[in-house]
Amino acid sequence: AKWTDEEVATLVDYLPTNCSEWADAGNFQQATYVKAAESICKLHRSGKIKDSKNVLIKWGLLKHTYNTIMTYRSGSGKHWDNENGANICGVADAEKWAKFVGVKRNMAMKPFHNKGWQYLPMMEDIFP
């Protein structure tokens, strides 16, 4: 399903208010995904209406991106700020960056070579 920025923001905004419904490994109970899908439904403009399965999949992708950023930023000698991302400047940095994001587990970082992630502050509220 294609997600709008508004739908993603609503999802990420909805989940912290339901942290008491955690399941395991940073996931939520199925009922939470159903309620989240219902809260997103009012934003539907076109395409498929998001259901609990779509919410579960999107949540997994958001967690993966968050964990990838946290791992990257905790690495020695790695720059990260939420305005400039990894702040890749120059040919040498670009070559190192291309090798880094070429590894499958690091591909989620690709969009953040020179920009931050708009959902990071919300995700940090969920995973303090």
N, C-alpha and C. Protein backbone atom coordinates (compact mmCIF):
# COMPACT_ATOMS: atom_id res chain seq x y z
N ALA A 1 0.84 -1.18 0.00
CA ALA A 1 0.00 0.00 0.00
C ALA A 1 0.88 1.24 0.00
N LYS A 2 0.48 2.23 -0.73
CA LYS A 2 1.20 3.51 -0.78
C LYS A 2 0.70 4.36 0.38
N TRP A 3 1.65 4.89 1.16
CA TRP A 3 1.33 5.69 2.33
C TRP A 3 1.64 7.15 2.07
N THR A 4 0.75 8.03 2.48
CA THR A 4 1.04 9.47 2.42
C THR A 4 1.82 9.86 3.67
N ASP A 5 2.50 10.99 3.62
CA ASP A 5 3.21 11.49 4.81
C ASP A 5 2.24 11.70 5.97
N GLU A 6 1.03 12.15 5.65
CA GLU A 6 0.03 12.40 6.69
C GLU A 6 -0.40 11.10 7.37
N GLU A 7 -0.55 10.04 6.58
CA GLU A 7 -0.93 8.74 7.16
C GLU A 7 0.18 8.19 8.05
N VAL A 8 1.43 8.30 7.59
CA VAL A 8 2.55 7.81 8.39
C VAL A 8 2.66 8.60 9.69
N ALA A 9 2.55 9.92 9.60
CA ALA A 9 2.62 10.76 10.80
C ALA A 9 1.50 10.42 11.77
N THR A 10 0.32 10.16 11.26
CA THR A 10 -0.81 9.78 12.12
C THR A 10 -0.53 8.45 12.80
N LEU A 11 0.03 7.50 12.07
CA LEU A 11 0.37 6.21 12.65
C LEU A 11 1.42 6.36 13.76
N VAL A 12 2.48 7.08 13.46
CA VAL A 12 3.57 7.25 14.42
C VAL A 12 3.10 8.07 15.63
N ASP A 13 2.17 8.96 15.40
CA ASP A 13 1.59 9.76 16.48
C ASP A 13 0.63 8.92 17.34
N TYR A 14 -0.08 8.00 16.69
CA TYR A 14 -1.07 7.17 17.38
C TYR A 14 -0.40 6.16 18.33
N LEU A 15 0.65 5.54 17.87
CA LEU A 15 1.24 4.42 18.62
C LEU A 15 1.79 4.77 20.00
N PRO A 16 2.46 5.92 20.20
CA PRO A 16 2.97 6.20 21.54
C PRO A 16 1.87 6.33 22.59
N THR A 17 0.68 6.72 22.17
CA THR A 17 -0.42 6.81 23.13
C THR A 17 -0.93 5.44 23.52
N ASN A 18 -0.43 4.40 22.85
CA ASN A 18 -0.88 3.04 23.12
C ASN A 18 0.27 2.13 23.53
N CYS A 19 1.30 2.72 24.11
CA CYS A 19 2.47 1.93 24.52
C CYS A 19 2.11 0.87 25.55
N SER A 20 1.01 1.05 26.26
CA SER A 20 0.60 0.04 27.24
C SER A 20 0.15 -1.24 26.55
N GLU A 21 -0.02 -1.18 25.24
CA GLU A 21 -0.46 -2.35 24.48
C GLU A 21 0.70 -3.02 23.76
N TRP A 22 1.93 -2.84 24.27
CA TRP A 22 3.09 -3.48 23.66
C TRP A 22 2.91 -4.99 23.67
N ALA A 23 3.42 -5.63 22.66
CA ALA A 23 3.49 -7.08 22.63
C ALA A 23 4.95 -7.44 22.93
N ASP A 24 5.73 -7.76 21.89
CA ASP A 24 7.14 -8.08 22.10
C ASP A 24 7.98 -7.43 21.01
N ALA A 25 9.25 -7.30 21.28
CA ALA A 25 10.23 -6.77 20.31
C ALA A 25 9.80 -5.46 19.67
N GLY A 26 9.18 -4.58 20.47
CA GLY A 26 8.78 -3.28 19.95
C GLY A 26 7.56 -3.32 19.06
N ASN A 27 6.79 -4.40 19.17
CA ASN A 27 5.56 -4.52 18.41
C ASN A 27 4.37 -4.29 19.33
N PHE A 28 3.20 -4.25 18.75
CA PHE A 28 1.99 -4.03 19.51
C PHE A 28 1.07 -5.23 19.35
N GLN A 29 0.04 -5.29 20.18
CA GLN A 29 -0.95 -6.34 20.07
C GLN A 29 -1.77 -6.11 18.80
N GLN A 30 -2.33 -7.16 18.25
CA GLN A 30 -3.10 -7.08 17.00
C GLN A 30 -4.20 -6.03 17.10
N ALA A 31 -4.86 -5.95 18.24
CA ALA A 31 -5.95 -4.98 18.41
C ALA A 31 -5.46 -3.54 18.22
N THR A 32 -4.23 -3.27 18.59
CA THR A 32 -3.66 -1.93 18.42
C THR A 32 -3.51 -1.60 16.94
N TYR A 33 -3.07 -2.58 16.14
CA TYR A 33 -2.94 -2.35 14.70
C TYR A 33 -4.31 -2.10 14.06
N VAL A 34 -5.32 -2.81 14.55
CA VAL A 34 -6.68 -2.61 14.04
C VAL A 34 -7.14 -1.18 14.35
N LYS A 35 -6.93 -0.74 15.60
CA LYS A 35 -7.35 0.61 15.99
C LYS A 35 -6.55 1.68 15.24
N ALA A 36 -5.26 1.42 15.02
CA ALA A 36 -4.44 2.37 14.27
C ALA A 36 -4.95 2.49 12.84
N ALA A 37 -5.30 1.36 12.23
CA ALA A 37 -5.85 1.39 10.87
C ALA A 37 -7.14 2.19 10.83
N GLU A 38 -7.96 2.05 11.85
CA GLU A 38 -9.21 2.81 11.91
C GLU A 38 -8.93 4.31 12.02
N SER A 39 -7.90 4.68 12.77
CA SER A 39 -7.58 6.10 12.92
C SER A 39 -7.02 6.70 11.62
N ILE A 40 -6.38 5.87 10.81
CA ILE A 40 -5.81 6.31 9.55
C ILE A 40 -6.87 6.36 8.44
N CYS A 41 -7.89 5.55 8.58
CA CYS A 41 -8.93 5.42 7.55
C CYS A 41 -9.52 6.77 7.14
N LYS A 42 -9.70 7.66 8.09
CA LYS A 42 -10.32 8.97 7.78
C LYS A 42 -9.45 9.82 6.87
N LEU A 43 -8.17 9.47 6.72
CA LEU A 43 -7.24 10.22 5.87
C LEU A 43 -7.19 9.70 4.44
N HIS A 44 -7.90 8.62 4.17
CA HIS A 44 -7.84 7.96 2.87
C HIS A 44 -8.24 8.91 1.75
N ARG A 45 -7.41 8.99 0.71
CA ARG A 45 -7.69 9.83 -0.46
C ARG A 45 -7.81 8.99 -1.73
N SER A 46 -6.93 8.01 -1.87
CA SER A 46 -6.98 7.15 -3.05
C SER A 46 -6.25 5.85 -2.75
N GLY A 47 -6.41 4.89 -3.63
CA GLY A 47 -5.75 3.61 -3.46
C GLY A 47 -6.41 2.75 -2.39
N LYS A 48 -5.67 1.80 -1.92
CA LYS A 48 -6.19 0.84 -0.95
C LYS A 48 -6.33 1.48 0.43
N ILE A 49 -7.43 1.18 1.09
CA ILE A 49 -7.60 1.61 2.48
C ILE A 49 -6.70 0.72 3.34
N LYS A 50 -5.93 1.34 4.23
CA LYS A 50 -5.00 0.59 5.06
C LYS A 50 -5.76 -0.26 6.09
N ASP A 51 -5.37 -1.52 6.19
CA ASP A 51 -5.94 -2.40 7.22
C ASP A 51 -4.85 -2.73 8.23
N SER A 52 -5.18 -3.57 9.19
CA SER A 52 -4.22 -3.87 10.26
C SER A 52 -2.95 -4.52 9.72
N LYS A 53 -3.06 -5.32 8.66
CA LYS A 53 -1.87 -5.95 8.07
C LYS A 53 -0.95 -4.88 7.47
N ASN A 54 -1.54 -3.89 6.76
CA ASN A 54 -0.73 -2.80 6.21
C ASN A 54 -0.05 -2.02 7.32
N VAL A 55 -0.76 -1.79 8.41
CA VAL A 55 -0.20 -1.06 9.55
C VAL A 55 0.96 -1.85 10.15
N LEU A 56 0.78 -3.15 10.33
CA LEU A 56 1.84 -4.00 10.87
C LEU A 56 3.09 -3.95 9.99
N ILE A 57 2.90 -4.04 8.68
CA ILE A 57 4.03 -4.00 7.75
C ILE A 57 4.72 -2.64 7.80
N LYS A 58 3.93 -1.57 7.77
CA LYS A 58 4.51 -0.22 7.81
C LYS A 58 5.26 -0.01 9.12
N TRP A 59 4.69 -0.47 10.23
CA TRP A 59 5.36 -0.34 11.52
C TRP A 59 6.71 -1.07 11.50
N GLY A 60 6.76 -2.24 10.89
CA GLY A 60 8.02 -2.98 10.78
C GLY A 60 9.05 -2.19 9.99
N LEU A 61 8.64 -1.55 8.90
CA LEU A 61 9.55 -0.74 8.10
C LEU A 61 10.03 0.49 8.87
N LEU A 62 9.13 1.12 9.60
CA LEU A 62 9.52 2.28 10.41
C LEU A 62 10.52 1.89 11.49
N LYS A 63 10.27 0.77 12.17
CA LYS A 63 11.21 0.29 13.19
C LYS A 63 12.57 -0.03 12.58
N HIS A 64 12.55 -0.65 11.40
CA HIS A 64 13.81 -0.98 10.74
C HIS A 64 14.60 0.29 10.41
N THR A 65 13.93 1.30 9.87
CA THR A 65 14.60 2.55 9.56
C THR A 65 15.14 3.19 10.83
N TYR A 66 14.34 3.22 11.87
CA TYR A 66 14.79 3.79 13.16
C TYR A 66 16.02 3.05 13.68
N ASN A 67 15.95 1.73 13.71
CA ASN A 67 17.07 0.94 14.23
C ASN A 67 18.33 1.12 13.37
N THR A 68 18.15 1.24 12.07
CA THR A 68 19.30 1.46 11.18
C THR A 68 19.95 2.81 11.47
N ILE A 69 19.14 3.84 11.65
CA ILE A 69 19.68 5.17 11.97
C ILE A 69 20.39 5.14 13.32
N MET A 70 19.78 4.50 14.32
CA MET A 70 20.39 4.44 15.66
C MET A 70 21.72 3.68 15.61
N THR A 71 21.77 2.60 14.85
CA THR A 71 23.02 1.84 14.72
C THR A 71 24.08 2.68 14.02
N TYR A 72 23.67 3.36 12.94
CA TYR A 72 24.61 4.20 12.20
C TYR A 72 25.16 5.30 13.09
N ARG A 73 24.29 5.99 13.77
CA ARG A 73 24.73 7.15 14.55
C ARG A 73 25.54 6.76 15.78
N SER A 74 25.42 5.52 16.22
CA SER A 74 26.24 5.08 17.35
C SER A 74 27.60 4.56 16.90
N GLY A 75 27.82 4.48 15.58
CA GLY A 75 29.09 4.00 15.05
C GLY A 75 30.19 5.03 15.23
N SER A 76 31.35 4.55 15.51
CA SER A 76 32.50 5.42 15.72
C SER A 76 32.84 6.18 14.44
N GLY A 77 32.98 7.49 14.57
CA GLY A 77 33.37 8.32 13.45
C GLY A 77 32.26 8.61 12.46
N LYS A 78 31.02 8.24 12.77
CA LYS A 78 29.90 8.46 11.86
C LYS A 78 29.15 9.72 12.30
N HIS A 79 28.89 10.60 11.34
CA HIS A 79 28.13 11.82 11.63
C HIS A 79 26.65 11.54 11.40
N TRP A 80 25.81 12.07 12.28
CA TRP A 80 24.37 12.07 12.05
C TRP A 80 23.76 13.25 12.79
N ASP A 81 22.97 14.02 12.10
CA ASP A 81 22.08 14.97 12.75
C ASP A 81 20.78 14.93 11.97
N ASN A 82 19.70 15.29 12.62
CA ASN A 82 18.41 15.10 11.97
C ASN A 82 18.05 16.22 10.99
N GLU A 83 18.97 17.13 10.76
CA GLU A 83 18.77 18.13 9.71
C GLU A 83 19.50 17.72 8.44
N ASN A 84 20.76 17.28 8.58
CA ASN A 84 21.60 16.95 7.43
C ASN A 84 21.85 15.45 7.27
N GLY A 85 21.22 14.63 8.09
CA GLY A 85 21.44 13.19 7.99
C GLY A 85 22.90 12.85 8.21
N ALA A 86 23.46 12.05 7.29
CA ALA A 86 24.86 11.65 7.40
C ALA A 86 25.80 12.74 6.90
N ASN A 87 25.25 13.78 6.28
CA ASN A 87 26.01 14.94 5.82
C ASN A 87 27.19 14.52 4.93
N ILE A 88 26.87 13.80 3.87
CA ILE A 88 27.88 13.31 2.93
C ILE A 88 28.30 14.46 2.00
N CYS A 89 29.57 14.83 2.09
CA CYS A 89 30.13 15.91 1.27
C CYS A 89 31.42 15.42 0.63
N GLY A 90 31.56 15.66 -0.64
CA GLY A 90 32.80 15.31 -1.32
C GLY A 90 32.79 13.90 -1.90
N VAL A 91 33.72 13.68 -2.80
CA VAL A 91 33.80 12.43 -3.53
C VAL A 91 34.17 11.27 -2.61
N ALA A 92 35.15 11.47 -1.75
CA ALA A 92 35.59 10.39 -0.86
C ALA A 92 34.45 9.93 0.05
N ASP A 93 33.73 10.90 0.65
CA ASP A 93 32.59 10.55 1.50
C ASP A 93 31.51 9.83 0.69
N ALA A 94 31.26 10.32 -0.52
CA ALA A 94 30.23 9.72 -1.38
C ALA A 94 30.57 8.27 -1.73
N GLU A 95 31.85 8.00 -1.98
CA GLU A 95 32.27 6.63 -2.28
C GLU A 95 32.09 5.72 -1.07
N LYS A 96 32.48 6.18 0.11
CA LYS A 96 32.29 5.39 1.34
C LYS A 96 30.80 5.15 1.59
N TRP A 97 30.00 6.22 1.37
CA TRP A 97 28.55 6.12 1.58
C TRP A 97 27.94 5.09 0.64
N ALA A 98 28.34 5.11 -0.63
CA ALA A 98 27.80 4.17 -1.61
C ALA A 98 28.10 2.72 -1.21
N LYS A 99 29.29 2.49 -0.69
CA LYS A 99 29.64 1.14 -0.21
C LYS A 99 28.80 0.78 1.01
N PHE A 100 28.62 1.73 1.92
CA PHE A 100 27.86 1.49 3.14
C PHE A 100 26.40 1.13 2.82
N VAL A 101 25.74 1.95 2.01
CA VAL A 101 24.32 1.69 1.71
C VAL A 101 24.14 0.55 0.71
N GLY A 102 25.22 0.11 0.09
CA GLY A 102 25.15 -1.03 -0.81
C GLY A 102 24.97 -2.35 -0.09
N VAL A 103 25.24 -2.36 1.21
CA VAL A 103 25.04 -3.55 2.02
C VAL A 103 23.55 -3.62 2.39
N LYS A 104 22.93 -4.76 2.17
CA LYS A 104 21.47 -4.89 2.32
C LYS A 104 20.95 -4.35 3.64
N ARG A 105 21.60 -4.67 4.75
CA ARG A 105 21.08 -4.24 6.06
C ARG A 105 21.16 -2.72 6.25
N ASN A 106 21.94 -2.04 5.43
CA ASN A 106 22.12 -0.59 5.55
C ASN A 106 21.32 0.20 4.52
N MET A 107 20.59 -0.45 3.65
CA MET A 107 19.90 0.24 2.55
C MET A 107 18.87 1.25 3.05
N ALA A 108 18.33 1.05 4.23
CA ALA A 108 17.34 1.99 4.77
C ALA A 108 17.94 3.38 4.99
N MET A 109 19.26 3.46 5.05
CA MET A 109 19.94 4.75 5.25
C MET A 109 20.07 5.56 3.96
N LYS A 110 19.88 4.95 2.82
CA LYS A 110 20.14 5.60 1.53
C LYS A 110 19.52 6.99 1.40
N PRO A 111 18.26 7.20 1.78
CA PRO A 111 17.67 8.54 1.60
C PRO A 111 18.27 9.62 2.50
N PHE A 112 19.07 9.22 3.48
CA PHE A 112 19.52 10.16 4.50
C PHE A 112 20.96 10.61 4.33
N HIS A 113 21.46 10.56 3.10
CA HIS A 113 22.85 10.99 2.90
C HIS A 113 23.03 12.47 3.22
N ASN A 114 22.01 13.30 2.97
CA ASN A 114 22.12 14.73 3.28
C ASN A 114 20.83 15.32 3.83
N LYS A 115 20.00 14.49 4.41
CA LYS A 115 18.78 14.99 5.04
C LYS A 115 18.40 14.08 6.19
N GLY A 116 17.70 14.64 7.14
CA GLY A 116 17.25 13.86 8.29
C GLY A 116 15.98 13.09 7.97
N TRP A 117 15.42 12.47 9.00
CA TRP A 117 14.20 11.67 8.86
C TRP A 117 13.11 12.35 9.65
N GLN A 118 12.07 12.77 9.01
CA GLN A 118 11.02 13.55 9.65
C GLN A 118 10.34 12.82 10.80
N TYR A 119 10.38 11.50 10.82
CA TYR A 119 9.70 10.74 11.87
C TYR A 119 10.61 10.40 13.05
N LEU A 120 11.89 10.76 12.97
CA LEU A 120 12.82 10.40 14.03
C LEU A 120 12.40 10.92 15.41
N PRO A 121 12.03 12.18 15.55
CA PRO A 121 11.64 12.64 16.90
C PRO A 121 10.45 11.86 17.47
N MET A 122 9.48 11.52 16.62
CA MET A 122 8.34 10.74 17.08
C MET A 122 8.75 9.33 17.47
N MET A 123 9.63 8.74 16.67
CA MET A 123 10.10 7.38 16.97
C MET A 123 10.92 7.37 18.26
N GLU A 124 11.68 8.44 18.50
CA GLU A 124 12.44 8.53 19.75
C GLU A 124 11.51 8.64 20.95
N ASP A 125 10.31 9.20 20.76
CA ASP A 125 9.33 9.21 21.84
C ASP A 125 8.82 7.82 22.15
N ILE A 126 8.73 6.98 21.11
CA ILE A 126 8.26 5.62 21.30
C ILE A 126 9.36 4.75 21.91
N PHE A 127 10.58 4.92 21.42
CA PHE A 127 11.74 4.15 21.91
C PHE A 127 12.73 5.10 22.57
N PRO A 128 12.45 5.55 23.79
CA PRO A 128 13.34 6.53 24.43
C PRO A 128 14.71 5.95 24.75
